[in-house]
Amino acid sequence: MNDTTTNPTPPDRLSVDPRSPHYDPDSLGRGVGIIFNGQERFNVEEYCVSEGWVRLAMAKTRDRKGNPLTMKMNGVVEPFFRDSAPASEQP
């Protein structure tokens, strides 16, 4: 079993792209929220807390392979789990 089910904080780096080595379906299943520079963001495709950056999807714009077009921004990244406990531990 993965450590994300018992860890109260999200991983240092996470991506929503299944092809990425930083993709973690267990963490994403719990629902990860991102506060970037003091504002909650809903269009985050990937983040890294230790390096202080996020990749934001740019509206509905897609590249030629159909992936969302992203822009990398630097700042303070604060990830959090939206649920209080894993689904397996909830009554």
PDB file of N, CA and C in Angstrom:
ATOM      1  N   MET A   1       0.840  -1.183   0.000  1.00  0.00           N
ATOM      2  CA  MET A   1       0.000   0.000   0.000  1.00  0.00           C
ATOM      3  C   MET A   1       0.881   1.240   0.000  1.00  0.00           C
ATOM      4  N   ASN A   2       0.453   2.255  -0.689  1.00  0.00           N
ATOM      5  CA  ASN A   2       1.236   3.470  -0.850  1.00  0.00           C
ATOM      6  C   ASN A   2       1.188   4.321   0.414  1.00  0.00           C
ATOM      7  N   ASP A   3       2.208   5.108   0.644  1.00  0.00           N
ATOM      8  CA  ASP A   3       2.315   5.956   1.824  1.00  0.00           C
ATOM      9  C   ASP A   3       1.310   7.105   1.820  1.00  0.00           C
ATOM     10  N   THR A   4       0.722   7.434   0.669  1.00  0.00           N
ATOM     11  CA  THR A   4      -0.186   8.582   0.579  1.00  0.00           C
ATOM     12  C   THR A   4      -1.497   8.344   1.318  1.00  0.00           C
ATOM     13  N   THR A   5      -1.852   7.089   1.593  1.00  0.00           N
ATOM     14  CA  THR A   5      -3.103   6.827   2.296  1.00  0.00           C
ATOM     15  C   THR A   5      -3.006   7.165   3.776  1.00  0.00           C
ATOM     16  N   THR A   6      -1.798   7.172   4.347  1.00  0.00           N
ATOM     17  CA  THR A   6      -1.640   7.491   5.755  1.00  0.00           C
ATOM     18  C   THR A   6      -0.979   8.841   5.981  1.00  0.00           C
ATOM     19  N   ASN A   7      -0.352   9.400   4.976  1.00  0.00           N
ATOM     20  CA  ASN A   7       0.353  10.673   5.097  1.00  0.00           C
ATOM     21  C   ASN A   7      -0.647  11.826   5.042  1.00  0.00           C
ATOM     22  N   PRO A   8      -0.614  12.755   6.004  1.00  0.00           N
ATOM     23  CA  PRO A   8      -1.569  13.862   6.013  1.00  0.00           C
ATOM     24  C   PRO A   8      -1.239  14.976   5.024  1.00  0.00           C
ATOM     25  N   THR A   9      -0.050  14.940   4.415  1.00  0.00           N
ATOM     26  CA  THR A   9       0.318  15.983   3.457  1.00  0.00           C
ATOM     27  C   THR A   9       0.545  15.364   2.080  1.00  0.00           C
ATOM     28  N   PRO A  10       0.214  16.097   1.023  1.00  0.00           N
ATOM     29  CA  PRO A  10       0.445  15.599  -0.344  1.00  0.00           C
ATOM     30  C   PRO A  10       1.939  15.497  -0.643  1.00  0.00           C
ATOM     31  N   PRO A  11       2.298  14.774  -1.715  1.00  0.00           N
ATOM     32  CA  PRO A  11       3.712  14.638  -2.069  1.00  0.00           C
ATOM     33  C   PRO A  11       4.330  15.967  -2.491  1.00  0.00           C
ATOM     34  N   ASP A  12       5.667  16.024  -2.458  1.00  0.00           N
ATOM     35  CA  ASP A  12       6.397  17.233  -2.834  1.00  0.00           C
ATOM     36  C   ASP A  12       6.149  17.616  -4.288  1.00  0.00           C
ATOM     37  N   ARG A  13       6.019  16.630  -5.150  1.00  0.00           N
ATOM     38  CA  ARG A  13       5.790  16.894  -6.571  1.00  0.00           C
ATOM     39  C   ARG A  13       4.709  15.941  -7.070  1.00  0.00           C
ATOM     40  N   LEU A  14       3.767  16.477  -7.843  1.00  0.00           N
ATOM     41  CA  LEU A  14       2.649  15.677  -8.325  1.00  0.00           C
ATOM     42  C   LEU A  14       2.196  16.183  -9.679  1.00  0.00           C
ATOM     43  N   SER A  15       1.789  15.264 -10.548  1.00  0.00           N
ATOM     44  CA  SER A  15       1.302  15.601 -11.881  1.00  0.00           C
ATOM     45  C   SER A  15      -0.006  14.868 -12.133  1.00  0.00           C
ATOM     46  N   VAL A  16      -0.898  15.479 -12.908  1.00  0.00           N
ATOM     47  CA  VAL A  16      -2.156  14.834 -13.275  1.00  0.00           C
ATOM     48  C   VAL A  16      -2.024  14.040 -14.573  1.00  0.00           C
ATOM     49  N   ASP A  17      -0.868  14.113 -15.234  1.00  0.00           N
ATOM     50  CA  ASP A  17      -0.628  13.405 -16.485  1.00  0.00           C
ATOM     51  C   ASP A  17      -0.175  11.972 -16.188  1.00  0.00           C
ATOM     52  N   PRO A  18      -0.948  10.959 -16.625  1.00  0.00           N
ATOM     53  CA  PRO A  18      -0.570   9.564 -16.333  1.00  0.00           C
ATOM     54  C   PRO A  18       0.769   9.143 -16.934  1.00  0.00           C
ATOM     55  N   ARG A  19       1.272   9.853 -17.929  1.00  0.00           N
ATOM     56  CA  ARG A  19       2.569   9.510 -18.539  1.00  0.00           C
ATOM     57  C   ARG A  19       3.748  10.039 -17.736  1.00  0.00           C
ATOM     58  N   SER A  20       3.488  10.905 -16.764  1.00  0.00           N
ATOM     59  CA  SER A  20       4.553  11.515 -15.977  1.00  0.00           C
ATOM     60  C   SER A  20       5.043  10.556 -14.889  1.00  0.00           C
ATOM     61  N   PRO A  21       6.338  10.593 -14.567  1.00  0.00           N
ATOM     62  CA  PRO A  21       6.834   9.766 -13.450  1.00  0.00           C
ATOM     63  C   PRO A  21       6.346  10.285 -12.092  1.00  0.00           C
ATOM     64  N   HIS A  22       5.780  11.482 -12.060  1.00  0.00           N
ATOM     65  CA  HIS A  22       5.288  12.064 -10.803  1.00  0.00           C
ATOM     66  C   HIS A  22       3.783  11.909 -10.647  1.00  0.00           C
ATOM     67  N   TYR A  23       3.179  11.066 -11.450  1.00  0.00           N
ATOM     68  CA  TYR A  23       1.746  10.779 -11.380  1.00  0.00           C
ATOM     69  C   TYR A  23       1.489   9.803 -10.237  1.00  0.00           C
ATOM     70  N   ASP A  24       0.534  10.116  -9.361  1.00  0.00           N
ATOM     71  CA  ASP A  24       0.190   9.260  -8.226  1.00  0.00           C
ATOM     72  C   ASP A  24      -1.332   9.188  -8.102  1.00  0.00           C
ATOM     73  N   PRO A  25      -1.951   8.120  -8.608  1.00  0.00           N
ATOM     74  CA  PRO A  25      -3.411   8.041  -8.588  1.00  0.00           C
ATOM     75  C   PRO A  25      -3.998   8.002  -7.176  1.00  0.00           C
ATOM     76  N   ASP A  26      -3.259   7.472  -6.190  1.00  0.00           N
ATOM     77  CA  ASP A  26      -3.764   7.434  -4.815  1.00  0.00           C
ATOM     78  C   ASP A  26      -3.918   8.844  -4.248  1.00  0.00           C
ATOM     79  N   SER A  27      -2.929   9.683  -4.459  1.00  0.00           N
ATOM     80  CA  SER A  27      -3.009  11.073  -3.978  1.00  0.00           C
ATOM     81  C   SER A  27      -4.093  11.837  -4.718  1.00  0.00           C
ATOM     82  N   LEU A  28      -4.157  11.665  -6.022  1.00  0.00           N
ATOM     83  CA  LEU A  28      -5.166  12.366  -6.813  1.00  0.00           C
ATOM     84  C   LEU A  28      -6.572  11.909  -6.442  1.00  0.00           C
ATOM     85  N   GLY A  29      -6.714  10.640  -6.065  1.00  0.00           N
ATOM     86  CA  GLY A  29      -8.008  10.112  -5.640  1.00  0.00           C
ATOM     87  C   GLY A  29      -8.514  10.758  -4.360  1.00  0.00           C
ATOM     88  N   ARG A  30      -7.609  11.179  -3.517  1.00  0.00           N
ATOM     89  CA  ARG A  30      -7.999  11.868  -2.277  1.00  0.00           C
ATOM     90  C   ARG A  30      -8.406  13.307  -2.542  1.00  0.00           C
ATOM     91  N   GLY A  31      -8.024  13.841  -3.688  1.00  0.00           N
ATOM     92  CA  GLY A  31      -8.356  15.227  -4.016  1.00  0.00           C
ATOM     93  C   GLY A  31      -7.311  16.177  -3.463  1.00  0.00           C
ATOM     94  N   VAL A  32      -6.455  16.690  -4.314  1.00  0.00           N
ATOM     95  CA  VAL A  32      -5.397  17.604  -3.902  1.00  0.00           C
ATOM     96  C   VAL A  32      -5.768  19.013  -4.334  1.00  0.00           C
ATOM     97  N   GLY A  33      -5.744  19.930  -3.385  1.00  0.00           N
ATOM     98  CA  GLY A  33      -5.961  21.341  -3.684  1.00  0.00           C
ATOM     99  C   GLY A  33      -4.637  22.076  -3.631  1.00  0.00           C
ATOM    100  N   ILE A  34      -4.539  23.179  -4.385  1.00  0.00           N
ATOM    101  CA  ILE A  34      -3.294  23.946  -4.446  1.00  0.00           C
ATOM    102  C   ILE A  34      -3.590  25.403  -4.135  1.00  0.00           C
ATOM    103  N   ILE A  35      -2.846  25.949  -3.184  1.00  0.00           N
ATOM    104  CA  ILE A  35      -2.865  27.385  -2.936  1.00  0.00           C
ATOM    105  C   ILE A  35      -1.533  27.905  -3.476  1.00  0.00           C
ATOM    106  N   PHE A  36      -1.619  28.764  -4.495  1.00  0.00           N
ATOM    107  CA  PHE A  36      -0.433  29.303  -5.147  1.00  0.00           C
ATOM    108  C   PHE A  36      -0.398  30.807  -4.926  1.00  0.00           C
ATOM    109  N   ASN A  37       0.659  31.265  -4.255  1.00  0.00           N
ATOM    110  CA  ASN A  37       0.812  32.687  -3.907  1.00  0.00           C
ATOM    111  C   ASN A  37      -0.416  33.235  -3.188  1.00  0.00           C
ATOM    112  N   GLY A  38      -0.974  32.443  -2.265  1.00  0.00           N
ATOM    113  CA  GLY A  38      -2.086  32.893  -1.440  1.00  0.00           C
ATOM    114  C   GLY A  38      -3.461  32.779  -2.069  1.00  0.00           C
ATOM    115  N   GLN A  39      -3.563  32.212  -3.273  1.00  0.00           N
ATOM    116  CA  GLN A  39      -4.848  32.077  -3.956  1.00  0.00           C
ATOM    117  C   GLN A  39      -5.040  30.629  -4.392  1.00  0.00           C
ATOM    118  N   GLU A  40      -6.234  30.066  -4.115  1.00  0.00           N
ATOM    119  CA  GLU A  40      -6.493  28.695  -4.525  1.00  0.00           C
ATOM    120  C   GLU A  40      -6.646  28.626  -6.043  1.00  0.00           C
ATOM    121  N   ARG A  41      -5.922  27.678  -6.655  1.00  0.00           N
ATOM    122  CA  ARG A  41      -5.944  27.525  -8.114  1.00  0.00           C
ATOM    123  C   ARG A  41      -6.595  26.190  -8.457  1.00  0.00           C
ATOM    124  N   PHE A  42      -7.386  26.193  -9.513  1.00  0.00           N
ATOM    125  CA  PHE A  42      -8.089  24.991  -9.929  1.00  0.00           C
ATOM    126  C   PHE A  42      -7.599  24.451 -11.269  1.00  0.00           C
ATOM    127  N   ASN A  43      -6.649  25.128 -11.902  1.00  0.00           N
ATOM    128  CA  ASN A  43      -6.153  24.705 -13.213  1.00  0.00           C
ATOM    129  C   ASN A  43      -4.704  24.224 -13.167  1.00  0.00           C
ATOM    130  N   VAL A  44      -4.277  23.655 -12.045  1.00  0.00           N
ATOM    131  CA  VAL A  44      -2.892  23.189 -11.884  1.00  0.00           C
ATOM    132  C   VAL A  44      -2.747  21.795 -12.506  1.00  0.00           C
ATOM    133  N   GLU A  45      -1.817  21.659 -13.424  1.00  0.00           N
ATOM    134  CA  GLU A  45      -1.526  20.379 -14.067  1.00  0.00           C
ATOM    135  C   GLU A  45      -0.399  19.634 -13.340  1.00  0.00           C
ATOM    136  N   GLU A  46       0.549  20.377 -12.770  1.00  0.00           N
ATOM    137  CA  GLU A  46       1.686  19.783 -12.069  1.00  0.00           C
ATOM    138  C   GLU A  46       2.240  20.828 -11.105  1.00  0.00           C
ATOM    139  N   TYR A  47       2.805  20.362  -9.983  1.00  0.00           N
ATOM    140  CA  TYR A  47       3.429  21.293  -9.042  1.00  0.00           C
ATOM    141  C   TYR A  47       4.648  20.665  -8.405  1.00  0.00           C
ATOM    142  N   CYS A  48       5.518  21.529  -7.856  1.00  0.00           N
ATOM    143  CA  CYS A  48       6.677  21.087  -7.083  1.00  0.00           C
ATOM    144  C   CYS A  48       6.864  22.077  -5.943  1.00  0.00           C
ATOM    145  N   VAL A  49       6.701  21.611  -4.719  1.00  0.00           N
ATOM    146  CA  VAL A  49       6.805  22.478  -3.548  1.00  0.00           C
ATOM    147  C   VAL A  49       8.247  22.892  -3.303  1.00  0.00           C
ATOM    148  N   SER A  50       9.191  21.936  -3.356  1.00  0.00           N
ATOM    149  CA  SER A  50      10.582  22.236  -3.022  1.00  0.00           C
ATOM    150  C   SER A  50      11.216  23.226  -4.009  1.00  0.00           C
ATOM    151  N   GLU A  51      10.815  23.165  -5.280  1.00  0.00           N
ATOM    152  CA  GLU A  51      11.366  24.087  -6.270  1.00  0.00           C
ATOM    153  C   GLU A  51      10.506  25.337  -6.419  1.00  0.00           C
ATOM    154  N   GLY A  52       9.285  25.339  -5.868  1.00  0.00           N
ATOM    155  CA  GLY A  52       8.425  26.517  -5.870  1.00  0.00           C
ATOM    156  C   GLY A  52       7.846  26.887  -7.222  1.00  0.00           C
ATOM    157  N   TRP A  53       7.226  25.924  -7.928  1.00  0.00           N
ATOM    158  CA  TRP A  53       6.599  26.233  -9.205  1.00  0.00           C
ATOM    159  C   TRP A  53       5.352  25.389  -9.423  1.00  0.00           C
ATOM    160  N   VAL A  54       4.490  25.881 -10.298  1.00  0.00           N
ATOM    161  CA  VAL A  54       3.312  25.146 -10.748  1.00  0.00           C
ATOM    162  C   VAL A  54       3.232  25.262 -12.265  1.00  0.00           C
ATOM    163  N   ARG A  55       2.594  24.286 -12.888  1.00  0.00           N
ATOM    164  CA  ARG A  55       2.256  24.358 -14.311  1.00  0.00           C
ATOM    165  C   ARG A  55       0.744  24.520 -14.383  1.00  0.00           C
ATOM    166  N   LEU A  56       0.312  25.636 -14.967  1.00  0.00           N
ATOM    167  CA  LEU A  56      -1.099  25.954 -15.063  1.00  0.00           C
ATOM    168  C   LEU A  56      -1.591  25.722 -16.482  1.00  0.00           C
ATOM    169  N   ALA A  57      -2.762  25.088 -16.601  1.00  0.00           N
ATOM    170  CA  ALA A  57      -3.380  24.899 -17.909  1.00  0.00           C
ATOM    171  C   ALA A  57      -3.925  26.236 -18.386  1.00  0.00           C
ATOM    172  N   MET A  58      -3.705  26.536 -19.648  1.00  0.00           N
ATOM    173  CA  MET A  58      -4.157  27.802 -20.214  1.00  0.00           C
ATOM    174  C   MET A  58      -5.513  27.615 -20.898  1.00  0.00           C
ATOM    175  N   ALA A  59      -6.581  27.831 -20.141  1.00  0.00           N
ATOM    176  CA  ALA A  59      -7.965  27.738 -20.626  1.00  0.00           C
ATOM    177  C   ALA A  59      -8.195  26.417 -21.349  1.00  0.00           C
ATOM    178  N   LYS A  60      -8.764  26.467 -22.536  1.00  0.00           N
ATOM    179  CA  LYS A  60      -9.044  25.242 -23.291  1.00  0.00           C
ATOM    180  C   LYS A  60      -8.071  25.047 -24.439  1.00  0.00           C
ATOM    181  N   THR A  61      -6.965  25.770 -24.435  1.00  0.00           N
ATOM    182  CA  THR A  61      -5.968  25.685 -25.492  1.00  0.00           C
ATOM    183  C   THR A  61      -5.235  24.348 -25.403  1.00  0.00           C
ATOM    184  N   ARG A  62      -5.070  23.697 -26.540  1.00  0.00           N
ATOM    185  CA  ARG A  62      -4.396  22.397 -26.612  1.00  0.00           C
ATOM    186  C   ARG A  62      -3.227  22.462 -27.575  1.00  0.00           C
ATOM    187  N   ASP A  63      -2.222  21.613 -27.333  1.00  0.00           N
ATOM    188  CA  ASP A  63      -1.124  21.518 -28.290  1.00  0.00           C
ATOM    189  C   ASP A  63      -1.530  20.564 -29.417  1.00  0.00           C
ATOM    190  N   ARG A  64      -0.643  20.313 -30.345  1.00  0.00           N
ATOM    191  CA  ARG A  64      -1.004  19.504 -31.507  1.00  0.00           C
ATOM    192  C   ARG A  64      -1.246  18.034 -31.182  1.00  0.00           C
ATOM    193  N   LYS A  65      -0.839  17.597 -29.987  1.00  0.00           N
ATOM    194  CA  LYS A  65      -1.090  16.213 -29.566  1.00  0.00           C
ATOM    195  C   LYS A  65      -2.332  16.104 -28.685  1.00  0.00           C
ATOM    196  N   GLY A  66      -3.014  17.226 -28.434  1.00  0.00           N
ATOM    197  CA  GLY A  66      -4.249  17.205 -27.646  1.00  0.00           C
ATOM    198  C   GLY A  66      -4.048  17.412 -26.158  1.00  0.00           C
ATOM    199  N   ASN A  67      -2.825  17.666 -25.740  1.00  0.00           N
ATOM    200  CA  ASN A  67      -2.545  17.913 -24.325  1.00  0.00           C
ATOM    201  C   ASN A  67      -2.799  19.381 -24.000  1.00  0.00           C
ATOM    202  N   PRO A  68      -3.171  19.694 -22.759  1.00  0.00           N
ATOM    203  CA  PRO A  68      -3.385  21.097 -22.405  1.00  0.00           C
ATOM    204  C   PRO A  68      -2.094  21.908 -22.526  1.00  0.00           C
ATOM    205  N   LEU A  69      -2.222  23.104 -23.052  1.00  0.00           N
ATOM    206  CA  LEU A  69      -1.089  24.016 -23.129  1.00  0.00           C
ATOM    207  C   LEU A  69      -0.872  24.572 -21.724  1.00  0.00           C
ATOM    208  N   THR A  70       0.366  24.528 -21.226  1.00  0.00           N
ATOM    209  CA  THR A  70       0.634  24.940 -19.851  1.00  0.00           C
ATOM    210  C   THR A  70       1.639  26.081 -19.798  1.00  0.00           C
ATOM    211  N   MET A  71       1.604  26.779 -18.666  1.00  0.00           N
ATOM    212  CA  MET A  71       2.560  27.844 -18.407  1.00  0.00           C
ATOM    213  C   MET A  71       3.137  27.599 -17.015  1.00  0.00           C
ATOM    214  N   LYS A  72       4.463  27.649 -16.910  1.00  0.00           N
ATOM    215  CA  LYS A  72       5.139  27.423 -15.638  1.00  0.00           C
ATOM    216  C   LYS A  72       5.282  28.757 -14.914  1.00  0.00           C
ATOM    217  N   MET A  73       4.841  28.783 -13.636  1.00  0.00           N
ATOM    218  CA  MET A  73       4.934  29.998 -12.829  1.00  0.00           C
ATOM    219  C   MET A  73       5.644  29.672 -11.520  1.00  0.00           C
ATOM    220  N   ASN A  74       6.482  30.588 -11.051  1.00  0.00           N
ATOM    221  CA  ASN A  74       7.215  30.418  -9.803  1.00  0.00           C
ATOM    222  C   ASN A  74       6.528  31.176  -8.689  1.00  0.00           C
ATOM    223  N   GLY A  75       6.582  30.614  -7.479  1.00  0.00           N
ATOM    224  CA  GLY A  75       5.990  31.259  -6.316  1.00  0.00           C
ATOM    225  C   GLY A  75       5.861  30.280  -5.166  1.00  0.00           C
ATOM    226  N   VAL A  76       5.043  30.638  -4.185  1.00  0.00           N
ATOM    227  CA  VAL A  76       4.825  29.810  -3.002  1.00  0.00           C
ATOM    228  C   VAL A  76       3.712  28.805  -3.301  1.00  0.00           C
ATOM    229  N   VAL A  77       4.019  27.510  -3.169  1.00  0.00           N
ATOM    230  CA  VAL A  77       3.078  26.436  -3.466  1.00  0.00           C
ATOM    231  C   VAL A  77       2.710  25.744  -2.155  1.00  0.00           C
ATOM    232  N   GLU A  78       1.401  25.665  -1.871  1.00  0.00           N
ATOM    233  CA  GLU A  78       0.912  25.010  -0.658  1.00  0.00           C
ATOM    234  C   GLU A  78      -0.146  23.980  -1.040  1.00  0.00           C
ATOM    235  N   PRO A  79       0.238  22.698  -1.174  1.00  0.00           N
ATOM    236  CA  PRO A  79      -0.756  21.664  -1.490  1.00  0.00           C
ATOM    237  C   PRO A  79      -1.458  21.185  -0.221  1.00  0.00           C
ATOM    238  N   PHE A  80      -2.700  20.709  -0.382  1.00  0.00           N
ATOM    239  CA  PHE A  80      -3.444  20.139   0.736  1.00  0.00           C
ATOM    240  C   PHE A  80      -4.416  19.107   0.192  1.00  0.00           C
ATOM    241  N   PHE A  81      -4.772  18.130   1.052  1.00  0.00           N
ATOM    242  CA  PHE A  81      -5.776  17.148   0.678  1.00  0.00           C
ATOM    243  C   PHE A  81      -7.144  17.730   0.965  1.00  0.00           C
ATOM    244  N   ARG A  82      -8.077  17.566   0.039  1.00  0.00           N
ATOM    245  CA  ARG A  82      -9.429  18.090   0.208  1.00  0.00           C
ATOM    246  C   ARG A  82     -10.229  17.274   1.216  1.00  0.00           C
ATOM    247  N   ASP A  83      -9.979  15.988   1.317  1.00  0.00           N
ATOM    248  CA  ASP A  83     -10.680  15.183   2.321  1.00  0.00           C
ATOM    249  C   ASP A  83      -9.863  15.126   3.599  1.00  0.00           C
ATOM    250  N   SER A  84     -10.531  14.844   4.693  1.00  0.00           N
ATOM    251  CA  SER A  84      -9.841  14.821   5.985  1.00  0.00           C
ATOM    252  C   SER A  84      -9.147  13.489   6.244  1.00  0.00           C
ATOM    253  N   ALA A  85      -9.654  12.413   5.650  1.00  0.00           N
ATOM    254  CA  ALA A  85      -9.068  11.087   5.846  1.00  0.00           C
ATOM    255  C   ALA A  85      -9.285  10.269   4.583  1.00  0.00           C
ATOM    256  N   PRO A  86      -8.473   9.244   4.378  1.00  0.00           N
ATOM    257  CA  PRO A  86      -8.675   8.369   3.225  1.00  0.00           C
ATOM    258  C   PRO A  86     -10.055   7.715   3.275  1.00  0.00           C
ATOM    259  N   ALA A  87     -10.610   7.396   2.118  1.00  0.00           N
ATOM    260  CA  ALA A  87     -11.956   6.799   2.038  1.00  0.00           C
ATOM    261  C   ALA A  87     -12.023   5.480   2.795  1.00  0.00           C
ATOM    262  N   SER A  88     -10.918   4.750   2.864  1.00  0.00           N
ATOM    263  CA  SER A  88     -10.918   3.461   3.559  1.00  0.00           C
ATOM    264  C   SER A  88     -11.055   3.621   5.069  1.00  0.00           C
ATOM    265  N   GLU A  89     -10.710   4.812   5.598  1.00  0.00           N
ATOM    266  CA  GLU A  89     -10.784   5.040   7.044  1.00  0.00           C
ATOM    267  C   GLU A  89     -12.052   5.767   7.466  1.00  0.00           C
ATOM    268  N   GLN A  90     -12.856   6.266   6.499  1.00  0.00           N
ATOM    269  CA  GLN A  90     -14.083   6.989   6.832  1.00  0.00           C
ATOM    270  C   GLN A  90     -15.206   5.996   7.128  1.00  0.00           C
ATOM    271  N   PRO A  91     -16.094   6.339   8.067  1.00  0.00           N
ATOM    272  CA  PRO A  91     -17.200   5.398   8.409  1.00  0.00           C
ATOM    273  C   PRO A  91     -18.214   5.259   7.299  1.00  0.00           C
TER     274      PRO A  91
END
